[in-house]
């Protein structure tokens, strides 16, 4: 049976891990989705002004960010 201090240490460790987990998932997701929306709306309004390149780059950024997130936590145990 675990002592109270060991339980508190595990709780604090899982809490900080959860914060890092959420931060590394939400920030690229929110930034990537914002870029996709911005370039997608502008590309649909004026397709000849080069917004397609920004849209492609923002989709690639979003995809790479999510792949890096999955790779970073590939061996992580469930919380």
C-alpha atoms as a PDB file:
ATOM      1  CA  UNK A   1       0.000   0.000   0.000  1.00  0.00           C
ATOM      2  CA  UNK A   2       1.285   3.456  -0.914  1.00  0.00           C
ATOM      3  CA  UNK A   3       1.884   6.120   1.647  1.00  0.00           C
ATOM      4  CA  UNK A   4       0.171   9.481   1.505  1.00  0.00           C
ATOM      5  CA  UNK A   5       3.293  11.291   0.277  1.00  0.00           C
ATOM      6  CA  UNK A   6       3.768   8.828  -2.608  1.00  0.00           C
ATOM      7  CA  UNK A   7       0.152   9.328  -3.644  1.00  0.00           C
ATOM      8  CA  UNK A   8       0.552  13.123  -3.522  1.00  0.00           C
ATOM      9  CA  UNK A   9       3.732  12.953  -5.611  1.00  0.00           C
ATOM     10  CA  UNK A  10       2.014  10.791  -8.229  1.00  0.00           C
ATOM     11  CA  UNK A  11      -0.975  13.145  -8.298  1.00  0.00           C
ATOM     12  CA  UNK A  12       1.253  16.202  -8.794  1.00  0.00           C
ATOM     13  CA  UNK A  13       3.251  14.385 -11.463  1.00  0.00           C
ATOM     14  CA  UNK A  14       0.110  13.349 -13.349  1.00  0.00           C
ATOM     15  CA  UNK A  15      -1.281  16.881 -13.021  1.00  0.00           C
ATOM     16  CA  UNK A  16       1.832  18.474 -14.546  1.00  0.00           C
ATOM     17  CA  UNK A  17       1.904  15.781 -17.219  1.00  0.00           C
ATOM     18  CA  UNK A  18      -1.717  16.506 -18.067  1.00  0.00           C
ATOM     19  CA  UNK A  19      -0.987  20.244 -18.379  1.00  0.00           C
ATOM     20  CA  UNK A  20       1.926  19.559 -20.726  1.00  0.00           C
ATOM     21  CA  UNK A  21      -0.221  17.091 -22.661  1.00  0.00           C
ATOM     22  CA  UNK A  22      -3.039  19.611 -23.129  1.00  0.00           C
ATOM     23  CA  UNK A  23      -0.685  22.458 -23.993  1.00  0.00           C
ATOM     24  CA  UNK A  24       1.181  20.460 -26.623  1.00  0.00           C
ATOM     25  CA  UNK A  25      -2.114  19.343 -28.171  1.00  0.00           C
ATOM     26  CA  UNK A  26      -4.247  22.469 -27.992  1.00  0.00           C
ATOM     27  CA  UNK A  27      -1.792  25.167 -29.037  1.00  0.00           C
ATOM     28  CA  UNK A  28      -0.847  23.713 -32.451  1.00  0.00           C
ATOM     29  CA  UNK A  29      -4.430  22.661 -33.006  1.00  0.00           C
ATOM     30  CA  UNK A  30      -5.854  26.109 -32.279  1.00  0.00           C
ATOM     31  CA  UNK A  31      -3.162  27.959 -34.224  1.00  0.00           C
ATOM     32  CA  UNK A  32      -3.364  25.519 -37.129  1.00  0.00           C
ATOM     33  CA  UNK A  33      -7.141  25.696 -37.328  1.00  0.00           C
ATOM     34  CA  UNK A  34      -7.062  29.490 -37.191  1.00  0.00           C
ATOM     35  CA  UNK A  35      -4.594  29.589 -40.077  1.00  0.00           C
ATOM     36  CA  UNK A  36      -6.630  27.096 -42.096  1.00  0.00           C
ATOM     37  CA  UNK A  37      -9.789  29.145 -41.569  1.00  0.00           C
ATOM     38  CA  UNK A  38      -8.089  32.429 -42.446  1.00  0.00           C
ATOM     39  CA  UNK A  39      -6.425  31.174 -45.613  1.00  0.00           C
ATOM     40  CA  UNK A  40      -9.408  29.032 -46.580  1.00  0.00           C
ATOM     41  CA  UNK A  41     -11.859  31.928 -46.359  1.00  0.00           C
ATOM     42  CA  UNK A  42      -9.542  34.280 -48.235  1.00  0.00           C
ATOM     43  CA  UNK A  43      -8.782  31.632 -50.866  1.00  0.00           C
ATOM     44  CA  UNK A  44     -12.474  31.014 -51.473  1.00  0.00           C
ATOM     45  CA  UNK A  45     -13.127  34.757 -51.841  1.00  0.00           C
ATOM     46  CA  UNK A  46     -10.192  35.483 -54.144  1.00  0.00           C
ATOM     47  CA  UNK A  47      -8.550  32.305 -55.484  1.00  0.00           C
ATOM     48  CA  UNK A  48      -6.050  34.092 -57.757  1.00  0.00           C
ATOM     49  CA  UNK A  49      -4.217  36.067 -55.071  1.00  0.00           C
ATOM     50  CA  UNK A  50      -1.959  33.354 -53.645  1.00  0.00           C
ATOM     51  CA  UNK A  51      -3.966  32.342 -50.593  1.00  0.00           C
ATOM     52  CA  UNK A  52      -3.841  28.742 -51.825  1.00  0.00           C
ATOM     53  CA  UNK A  53      -0.158  28.560 -50.894  1.00  0.00           C
ATOM     54  CA  UNK A  54      -0.937  29.773 -47.399  1.00  0.00           C
ATOM     55  CA  UNK A  55      -3.788  27.293 -47.148  1.00  0.00           C
ATOM     56  CA  UNK A  56      -1.545  24.414 -48.224  1.00  0.00           C
ATOM     57  CA  UNK A  57       1.170  25.520 -45.801  1.00  0.00           C
ATOM     58  CA  UNK A  58      -1.290  25.847 -42.913  1.00  0.00           C
ATOM     59  CA  UNK A  59      -2.734  22.390 -43.613  1.00  0.00           C
ATOM     60  CA  UNK A  60       0.804  20.983 -43.682  1.00  0.00           C
ATOM     61  CA  UNK A  61       1.625  22.810 -40.417  1.00  0.00           C
ATOM     62  CA  UNK A  62      -1.485  21.414 -38.738  1.00  0.00           C
ATOM     63  CA  UNK A  63      -0.796  17.896 -39.954  1.00  0.00           C
ATOM     64  CA  UNK A  64       2.876  18.019 -38.913  1.00  0.00           C
ATOM     65  CA  UNK A  65       1.979  19.432 -35.493  1.00  0.00           C
ATOM     66  CA  UNK A  66      -0.488  16.628 -34.825  1.00  0.00           C
ATOM     67  CA  UNK A  67       1.992  14.003 -36.047  1.00  0.00           C
ATOM     68  CA  UNK A  68       4.684  15.448 -33.758  1.00  0.00           C
ATOM     69  CA  UNK A  69       2.205  15.412 -30.871  1.00  0.00           C
ATOM     70  CA  UNK A  70       1.388  11.756 -31.518  1.00  0.00           C
ATOM     71  CA  UNK A  71       5.085  10.899 -31.848  1.00  0.00           C
ATOM     72  CA  UNK A  72       5.986  12.697 -28.611  1.00  0.00           C
ATOM     73  CA  UNK A  73       3.408  10.773 -26.595  1.00  0.00           C
ATOM     74  CA  UNK A  74       3.577   7.433 -28.426  1.00  0.00           C
ATOM     75  CA  UNK A  75       4.883   5.505 -25.402  1.00  0.00           C
ATOM     76  CA  UNK A  76       2.969   7.426 -22.764  1.00  0.00           C
ATOM     77  CA  UNK A  77       0.888   5.417 -20.333  1.00  0.00           C
ATOM     78  CA  UNK A  78      -2.707   6.367 -19.752  1.00  0.00           C
ATOM     79  CA  UNK A  79      -3.265   8.959 -17.061  1.00  0.00           C
END
